[in-house]
N, C-alpha and C. Protein backbone atom coordinates (compact mmCIF):
# COMPACT_ATOMS: atom_id res chain seq x y z
N MET A 1 12.06 -11.44 -6.95
CA MET A 1 11.40 -11.49 -5.67
C MET A 1 9.89 -11.35 -5.88
N LEU A 2 9.15 -12.14 -5.13
CA LEU A 2 7.70 -12.15 -5.25
C LEU A 2 7.05 -11.34 -4.13
N VAL A 3 5.83 -10.89 -4.39
CA VAL A 3 5.06 -10.12 -3.40
C VAL A 3 4.92 -10.92 -2.11
N GLN A 4 4.76 -12.24 -2.20
CA GLN A 4 4.64 -13.08 -0.99
C GLN A 4 5.85 -12.88 -0.08
N GLN A 5 7.04 -12.82 -0.65
CA GLN A 5 8.25 -12.62 0.14
C GLN A 5 8.28 -11.22 0.76
N ILE A 6 7.81 -10.24 0.02
CA ILE A 6 7.76 -8.87 0.54
C ILE A 6 6.79 -8.79 1.71
N LEU A 7 5.61 -9.40 1.57
CA LEU A 7 4.62 -9.40 2.64
C LEU A 7 5.17 -10.08 3.90
N SER A 8 5.83 -11.20 3.73
CA SER A 8 6.31 -11.95 4.89
C SER A 8 7.47 -11.23 5.60
N SER A 9 8.14 -10.32 4.90
CA SER A 9 9.25 -9.60 5.52
C SER A 9 8.81 -8.32 6.23
N LYS A 10 7.54 -7.96 6.09
CA LYS A 10 7.04 -6.74 6.74
C LYS A 10 6.96 -6.94 8.25
N ALA A 11 7.26 -5.87 8.99
CA ALA A 11 7.25 -5.93 10.45
C ALA A 11 5.86 -6.22 10.99
N THR A 12 4.85 -5.62 10.39
CA THR A 12 3.48 -5.85 10.84
C THR A 12 2.69 -6.53 9.74
N GLN A 13 1.93 -7.51 10.12
CA GLN A 13 1.11 -8.24 9.17
C GLN A 13 -0.31 -7.70 9.23
N GLY A 14 -1.10 -7.98 8.21
CA GLY A 14 -2.48 -7.53 8.19
C GLY A 14 -2.59 -6.14 7.58
N VAL A 15 -3.83 -5.66 7.53
CA VAL A 15 -4.12 -4.37 6.89
C VAL A 15 -5.05 -3.58 7.78
N LEU A 16 -4.69 -2.33 8.04
CA LEU A 16 -5.61 -1.43 8.74
C LEU A 16 -6.67 -1.00 7.74
N SER A 17 -7.91 -1.00 8.19
CA SER A 17 -8.98 -0.55 7.30
C SER A 17 -9.94 0.35 8.06
N ILE A 18 -10.74 1.03 7.30
CA ILE A 18 -11.77 1.91 7.85
C ILE A 18 -13.03 1.72 7.03
N GLY A 19 -14.17 1.89 7.65
CA GLY A 19 -15.43 1.73 6.95
C GLY A 19 -15.73 2.91 6.04
N PRO A 20 -16.47 2.71 4.98
CA PRO A 20 -16.77 3.77 4.02
C PRO A 20 -17.62 4.90 4.59
N ASP A 21 -18.37 4.63 5.66
CA ASP A 21 -19.22 5.65 6.25
C ASP A 21 -18.53 6.46 7.34
N ALA A 22 -17.32 6.07 7.71
CA ALA A 22 -16.58 6.80 8.75
C ALA A 22 -16.24 8.19 8.24
N PRO A 23 -16.18 9.17 9.14
CA PRO A 23 -15.80 10.52 8.69
C PRO A 23 -14.32 10.58 8.29
N VAL A 24 -14.02 11.45 7.37
CA VAL A 24 -12.64 11.62 6.90
C VAL A 24 -11.72 11.98 8.07
N SER A 25 -12.23 12.72 9.06
CA SER A 25 -11.41 13.07 10.23
C SER A 25 -10.93 11.82 10.96
N GLU A 26 -11.76 10.80 11.02
CA GLU A 26 -11.36 9.53 11.66
C GLU A 26 -10.26 8.85 10.85
N ALA A 27 -10.38 8.90 9.54
CA ALA A 27 -9.34 8.34 8.67
C ALA A 27 -8.03 9.10 8.86
N ALA A 28 -8.10 10.42 8.94
CA ALA A 28 -6.91 11.23 9.15
C ALA A 28 -6.24 10.88 10.47
N ASN A 29 -7.05 10.67 11.52
CA ASN A 29 -6.51 10.24 12.82
C ASN A 29 -5.82 8.90 12.71
N LEU A 30 -6.44 7.96 12.01
CA LEU A 30 -5.88 6.63 11.82
C LEU A 30 -4.52 6.71 11.10
N LEU A 31 -4.47 7.51 10.05
CA LEU A 31 -3.22 7.69 9.30
C LEU A 31 -2.14 8.29 10.20
N SER A 32 -2.50 9.34 10.92
CA SER A 32 -1.55 10.03 11.77
C SER A 32 -1.05 9.16 12.92
N ASN A 33 -1.97 8.53 13.62
CA ASN A 33 -1.60 7.71 14.79
C ASN A 33 -0.74 6.51 14.42
N ASN A 34 -0.94 5.97 13.23
CA ASN A 34 -0.18 4.80 12.80
C ASN A 34 1.00 5.14 11.90
N ARG A 35 1.16 6.44 11.63
CA ARG A 35 2.27 6.91 10.79
C ARG A 35 2.31 6.18 9.45
N ILE A 36 1.13 6.16 8.79
CA ILE A 36 1.00 5.52 7.48
C ILE A 36 0.42 6.53 6.50
N GLY A 37 0.57 6.26 5.21
CA GLY A 37 0.12 7.19 4.19
C GLY A 37 -1.18 6.83 3.52
N THR A 38 -1.66 5.60 3.78
CA THR A 38 -2.86 5.13 3.10
C THR A 38 -3.63 4.19 4.00
N VAL A 39 -4.95 4.26 3.90
CA VAL A 39 -5.79 3.30 4.62
C VAL A 39 -6.74 2.67 3.61
N VAL A 40 -6.95 1.39 3.77
CA VAL A 40 -7.88 0.65 2.92
C VAL A 40 -9.29 0.88 3.43
N VAL A 41 -10.23 1.03 2.52
CA VAL A 41 -11.64 1.21 2.88
C VAL A 41 -12.35 -0.12 2.67
N SER A 42 -12.94 -0.61 3.78
CA SER A 42 -13.61 -1.90 3.73
C SER A 42 -14.65 -1.97 4.85
N SER A 43 -15.82 -2.44 4.52
CA SER A 43 -16.88 -2.59 5.51
C SER A 43 -16.62 -3.77 6.45
N ASP A 44 -15.98 -4.82 5.91
CA ASP A 44 -15.78 -6.03 6.71
C ASP A 44 -14.31 -6.35 7.02
N GLY A 45 -13.39 -5.51 6.55
CA GLY A 45 -11.97 -5.76 6.80
C GLY A 45 -11.32 -6.73 5.83
N HIS A 46 -12.10 -7.29 4.92
CA HIS A 46 -11.56 -8.26 3.95
C HIS A 46 -11.84 -7.88 2.51
N THR A 47 -13.02 -7.29 2.27
CA THR A 47 -13.43 -6.93 0.93
C THR A 47 -13.00 -5.50 0.64
N LEU A 48 -12.25 -5.32 -0.41
CA LEU A 48 -11.70 -4.02 -0.78
C LEU A 48 -12.77 -3.18 -1.48
N GLU A 49 -13.11 -2.04 -0.87
CA GLU A 49 -14.10 -1.13 -1.46
C GLU A 49 -13.45 0.14 -2.01
N GLY A 50 -12.29 0.47 -1.48
CA GLY A 50 -11.59 1.67 -1.92
C GLY A 50 -10.31 1.84 -1.14
N ILE A 51 -9.66 2.95 -1.41
CA ILE A 51 -8.41 3.27 -0.71
C ILE A 51 -8.36 4.78 -0.55
N LEU A 52 -7.89 5.24 0.60
CA LEU A 52 -7.82 6.67 0.89
C LEU A 52 -6.40 6.99 1.34
N SER A 53 -5.81 7.96 0.67
CA SER A 53 -4.44 8.36 1.02
C SER A 53 -4.44 9.74 1.65
N GLU A 54 -3.33 10.04 2.30
CA GLU A 54 -3.19 11.38 2.88
C GLU A 54 -3.23 12.42 1.76
N ARG A 55 -2.77 12.07 0.59
CA ARG A 55 -2.82 13.00 -0.55
C ARG A 55 -4.26 13.31 -0.94
N ASP A 56 -5.13 12.28 -0.90
CA ASP A 56 -6.55 12.50 -1.21
C ASP A 56 -7.15 13.52 -0.25
N ILE A 57 -6.82 13.38 1.03
CA ILE A 57 -7.35 14.28 2.05
C ILE A 57 -6.82 15.70 1.86
N VAL A 58 -5.51 15.82 1.66
CA VAL A 58 -4.90 17.14 1.49
C VAL A 58 -5.44 17.84 0.25
N ARG A 59 -5.61 17.09 -0.82
CA ARG A 59 -6.14 17.66 -2.06
C ARG A 59 -7.53 18.26 -1.83
N GLU A 60 -8.38 17.54 -1.10
CA GLU A 60 -9.74 18.01 -0.84
C GLU A 60 -9.73 19.18 0.16
N LEU A 61 -8.84 19.12 1.14
CA LEU A 61 -8.69 20.24 2.08
C LEU A 61 -8.33 21.52 1.32
N GLY A 62 -7.44 21.38 0.36
CA GLY A 62 -7.02 22.53 -0.44
C GLY A 62 -8.15 23.11 -1.27
N LYS A 63 -9.04 22.24 -1.75
CA LYS A 63 -10.16 22.68 -2.57
C LYS A 63 -11.28 23.30 -1.73
N ARG A 64 -11.66 22.61 -0.66
CA ARG A 64 -12.87 22.97 0.06
C ARG A 64 -12.68 23.43 1.50
N GLY A 65 -11.49 23.20 2.04
CA GLY A 65 -11.28 23.56 3.44
C GLY A 65 -11.65 22.43 4.38
N ALA A 66 -11.63 22.76 5.68
CA ALA A 66 -11.80 21.75 6.73
C ALA A 66 -13.16 21.07 6.74
N GLY A 67 -14.14 21.61 6.06
CA GLY A 67 -15.47 21.00 6.02
C GLY A 67 -15.45 19.59 5.49
N CYS A 68 -14.49 19.26 4.64
CA CYS A 68 -14.42 17.92 4.05
C CYS A 68 -14.11 16.86 5.11
N LEU A 69 -13.59 17.27 6.27
CA LEU A 69 -13.26 16.31 7.31
C LEU A 69 -14.49 15.64 7.90
N ASN A 70 -15.66 16.25 7.71
CA ASN A 70 -16.91 15.66 8.19
C ASN A 70 -17.56 14.74 7.17
N ASP A 71 -17.07 14.76 5.93
CA ASP A 71 -17.62 13.92 4.87
C ASP A 71 -17.29 12.45 5.13
N PRO A 72 -18.10 11.54 4.59
CA PRO A 72 -17.75 10.12 4.72
C PRO A 72 -16.53 9.80 3.86
N VAL A 73 -15.77 8.84 4.32
CA VAL A 73 -14.57 8.39 3.60
C VAL A 73 -14.91 8.03 2.15
N SER A 74 -16.08 7.46 1.93
CA SER A 74 -16.48 7.02 0.59
C SER A 74 -16.52 8.17 -0.41
N ASP A 75 -16.70 9.42 0.07
CA ASP A 75 -16.73 10.57 -0.83
C ASP A 75 -15.35 10.91 -1.39
N LEU A 76 -14.29 10.60 -0.64
CA LEU A 76 -12.94 10.98 -1.04
C LEU A 76 -12.10 9.81 -1.55
N MET A 77 -12.51 8.59 -1.21
CA MET A 77 -11.68 7.43 -1.54
C MET A 77 -11.58 7.20 -3.05
N THR A 78 -10.51 6.55 -3.43
CA THR A 78 -10.36 6.08 -4.81
C THR A 78 -11.09 4.76 -4.89
N LYS A 79 -12.01 4.66 -5.85
CA LYS A 79 -12.84 3.46 -5.96
C LYS A 79 -12.30 2.46 -6.97
N LYS A 80 -11.59 2.95 -7.97
CA LYS A 80 -11.02 2.04 -8.98
C LYS A 80 -9.61 1.68 -8.51
N ILE A 81 -9.48 0.49 -7.97
CA ILE A 81 -8.25 0.08 -7.32
C ILE A 81 -7.47 -0.91 -8.17
N VAL A 82 -6.19 -0.67 -8.28
CA VAL A 82 -5.28 -1.63 -8.89
C VAL A 82 -4.79 -2.52 -7.76
N THR A 83 -4.76 -3.81 -7.98
CA THR A 83 -4.30 -4.75 -6.96
C THR A 83 -3.22 -5.67 -7.54
N CYS A 84 -2.60 -6.41 -6.66
CA CYS A 84 -1.65 -7.43 -7.09
C CYS A 84 -1.91 -8.71 -6.31
N THR A 85 -1.23 -9.77 -6.67
CA THR A 85 -1.34 -11.04 -5.95
C THR A 85 0.03 -11.39 -5.38
N THR A 86 0.06 -12.40 -4.55
CA THR A 86 1.33 -12.83 -3.95
C THR A 86 2.29 -13.38 -4.99
N ALA A 87 1.80 -13.76 -6.15
CA ALA A 87 2.65 -14.33 -7.20
C ALA A 87 3.30 -13.27 -8.10
N ASP A 88 2.88 -12.00 -7.96
CA ASP A 88 3.47 -10.93 -8.78
C ASP A 88 4.91 -10.67 -8.33
N THR A 89 5.73 -10.22 -9.28
CA THR A 89 7.13 -9.92 -8.96
C THR A 89 7.27 -8.48 -8.49
N ALA A 90 8.36 -8.22 -7.80
CA ALA A 90 8.66 -6.87 -7.32
C ALA A 90 8.77 -5.91 -8.50
N ASP A 91 9.41 -6.35 -9.57
CA ASP A 91 9.55 -5.48 -10.75
C ASP A 91 8.20 -5.13 -11.36
N ALA A 92 7.30 -6.11 -11.44
CA ALA A 92 5.97 -5.86 -12.00
C ALA A 92 5.19 -4.88 -11.12
N VAL A 93 5.31 -5.02 -9.80
CA VAL A 93 4.63 -4.14 -8.86
C VAL A 93 5.18 -2.72 -8.96
N LEU A 94 6.50 -2.59 -9.05
CA LEU A 94 7.10 -1.26 -9.20
C LEU A 94 6.62 -0.59 -10.49
N GLU A 95 6.49 -1.37 -11.54
CA GLU A 95 6.01 -0.82 -12.81
C GLU A 95 4.55 -0.35 -12.68
N MET A 96 3.72 -1.17 -12.01
CA MET A 96 2.31 -0.77 -11.79
C MET A 96 2.24 0.53 -11.01
N MET A 97 3.03 0.63 -9.95
CA MET A 97 3.01 1.82 -9.10
C MET A 97 3.51 3.06 -9.86
N THR A 98 4.55 2.88 -10.63
CA THR A 98 5.11 4.00 -11.38
C THR A 98 4.14 4.47 -12.45
N ASN A 99 3.60 3.53 -13.22
CA ASN A 99 2.67 3.89 -14.29
C ASN A 99 1.37 4.49 -13.74
N GLY A 100 0.89 3.97 -12.61
CA GLY A 100 -0.36 4.46 -12.03
C GLY A 100 -0.18 5.67 -11.13
N ARG A 101 1.07 6.02 -10.83
CA ARG A 101 1.39 7.15 -9.96
C ARG A 101 0.75 7.02 -8.58
N PHE A 102 0.90 5.82 -7.98
CA PHE A 102 0.45 5.61 -6.61
C PHE A 102 1.54 4.87 -5.86
N ARG A 103 1.46 4.91 -4.53
CA ARG A 103 2.53 4.37 -3.71
C ARG A 103 2.12 3.19 -2.84
N HIS A 104 0.86 2.78 -2.91
CA HIS A 104 0.38 1.66 -2.10
C HIS A 104 -0.45 0.74 -2.97
N LEU A 105 -0.30 -0.56 -2.73
CA LEU A 105 -0.96 -1.55 -3.58
C LEU A 105 -1.53 -2.67 -2.71
N PRO A 106 -2.85 -2.82 -2.70
CA PRO A 106 -3.44 -3.94 -1.96
C PRO A 106 -3.07 -5.27 -2.61
N VAL A 107 -2.84 -6.26 -1.76
CA VAL A 107 -2.54 -7.61 -2.21
C VAL A 107 -3.79 -8.44 -1.96
N VAL A 108 -4.27 -9.11 -3.00
CA VAL A 108 -5.50 -9.88 -2.89
C VAL A 108 -5.27 -11.35 -3.23
N ASP A 109 -6.12 -12.16 -2.65
CA ASP A 109 -6.19 -13.59 -2.97
C ASP A 109 -7.64 -13.84 -3.32
N GLY A 110 -7.96 -13.86 -4.60
CA GLY A 110 -9.34 -13.94 -5.04
C GLY A 110 -10.04 -12.63 -4.68
N ASP A 111 -11.11 -12.70 -3.90
CA ASP A 111 -11.82 -11.51 -3.47
C ASP A 111 -11.36 -10.99 -2.12
N ASN A 112 -10.47 -11.74 -1.46
CA ASN A 112 -10.00 -11.36 -0.13
C ASN A 112 -8.73 -10.53 -0.18
N MET A 113 -8.73 -9.43 0.54
CA MET A 113 -7.53 -8.61 0.68
C MET A 113 -6.68 -9.25 1.78
N ILE A 114 -5.42 -9.51 1.47
CA ILE A 114 -4.56 -10.18 2.46
C ILE A 114 -3.38 -9.32 2.91
N GLY A 115 -3.18 -8.19 2.25
CA GLY A 115 -2.07 -7.33 2.65
C GLY A 115 -2.06 -6.04 1.86
N LEU A 116 -1.12 -5.19 2.23
CA LEU A 116 -0.92 -3.92 1.55
C LEU A 116 0.58 -3.68 1.51
N ILE A 117 1.10 -3.40 0.33
CA ILE A 117 2.53 -3.10 0.24
C ILE A 117 2.71 -1.68 -0.28
N SER A 118 3.76 -1.05 0.20
CA SER A 118 4.08 0.30 -0.23
C SER A 118 5.27 0.25 -1.17
N ILE A 119 5.49 1.34 -1.85
CA ILE A 119 6.65 1.41 -2.74
C ILE A 119 7.93 1.27 -1.91
N GLY A 120 7.90 1.77 -0.68
CA GLY A 120 9.05 1.61 0.21
C GLY A 120 9.33 0.16 0.53
N ASP A 121 8.28 -0.64 0.77
CA ASP A 121 8.45 -2.08 1.02
C ASP A 121 9.11 -2.76 -0.18
N VAL A 122 8.65 -2.41 -1.37
CA VAL A 122 9.15 -3.06 -2.58
C VAL A 122 10.60 -2.64 -2.86
N VAL A 123 10.89 -1.36 -2.70
CA VAL A 123 12.26 -0.88 -2.93
C VAL A 123 13.21 -1.52 -1.93
N LYS A 124 12.82 -1.58 -0.66
CA LYS A 124 13.65 -2.19 0.38
C LYS A 124 13.96 -3.66 0.03
N ALA A 125 12.93 -4.40 -0.37
CA ALA A 125 13.10 -5.80 -0.72
C ALA A 125 14.00 -5.96 -1.95
N ARG A 126 13.78 -5.10 -2.92
CA ARG A 126 14.58 -5.17 -4.16
C ARG A 126 16.05 -4.84 -3.89
N LEU A 127 16.31 -3.84 -3.03
CA LEU A 127 17.70 -3.50 -2.67
C LEU A 127 18.38 -4.65 -1.94
N ALA A 128 17.64 -5.32 -1.05
CA ALA A 128 18.19 -6.47 -0.34
C ALA A 128 18.54 -7.59 -1.32
N GLU A 129 17.66 -7.79 -2.28
CA GLU A 129 17.89 -8.81 -3.30
C GLU A 129 19.13 -8.47 -4.14
N LEU A 130 19.25 -7.23 -4.54
CA LEU A 130 20.41 -6.81 -5.34
C LEU A 130 21.70 -6.93 -4.54
N SER A 131 21.65 -6.64 -3.25
CA SER A 131 22.83 -6.78 -2.40
C SER A 131 23.28 -8.23 -2.31
N MET A 132 22.31 -9.15 -2.17
CA MET A 132 22.65 -10.58 -2.12
C MET A 132 23.25 -11.04 -3.45
N GLU A 133 22.69 -10.56 -4.56
CA GLU A 133 23.23 -10.92 -5.87
C GLU A 133 24.65 -10.42 -6.03
N LYS A 134 24.90 -9.19 -5.59
CA LYS A 134 26.24 -8.60 -5.66
C LYS A 134 27.23 -9.42 -4.85
N ASP A 135 26.84 -9.79 -3.63
CA ASP A 135 27.71 -10.59 -2.78
C ASP A 135 28.01 -11.95 -3.41
N ALA A 136 27.01 -12.57 -4.01
CA ALA A 136 27.19 -13.86 -4.66
C ALA A 136 28.14 -13.75 -5.85
N LEU A 137 27.98 -12.70 -6.64
CA LEU A 137 28.86 -12.50 -7.80
C LEU A 137 30.29 -12.22 -7.36
N GLU A 138 30.45 -11.41 -6.32
CA GLU A 138 31.80 -11.14 -5.80
C GLU A 138 32.44 -12.42 -5.29
N GLY A 139 31.65 -13.28 -4.62
CA GLY A 139 32.16 -14.55 -4.13
C GLY A 139 32.60 -15.45 -5.26
N MET A 140 31.82 -15.45 -6.36
CA MET A 140 32.20 -16.28 -7.52
C MET A 140 33.46 -15.77 -8.16
N ILE A 141 33.60 -14.44 -8.28
CA ILE A 141 34.79 -13.84 -8.89
C ILE A 141 36.03 -14.12 -8.05
N MET A 142 35.87 -14.00 -6.73
CA MET A 142 37.00 -14.21 -5.83
C MET A 142 37.31 -15.70 -5.62
N GLY A 143 36.40 -16.57 -6.08
CA GLY A 143 36.62 -18.00 -5.95
C GLY A 143 36.22 -18.55 -4.60
N HIS A 144 35.29 -17.89 -3.92
CA HIS A 144 34.86 -18.38 -2.59
C HIS A 144 33.58 -19.14 -2.70
């Protein structure tokens, strides 16, 4: 299964983003209100500048307290981002996520960000694929 198929099966298309100068409190609100774990940081909504996860926020809260909520998102975001393309396979993406110890992966087409997939999206797609393979094999064995 390819990332393109995973993206097209998602309930919502597009990517929520926040500007690098926005306060961390605004990012936390965005995460909470949308029930998501990560927000992409982008000035224009297309160019990937960073990524901020709820873990990044909690880690900083633990270190410094609530004062970090007034800091700009750019202070807490991860700047070195691993990305994938629509042509990458689910297995390759799962390996990237496991090795990098992250749960969200921006999907890019050249310099443009076109989507964001989570480990949950990939696992769900992979399980569906395995179920179809199982059904096909059972049908072949049973002669149907």
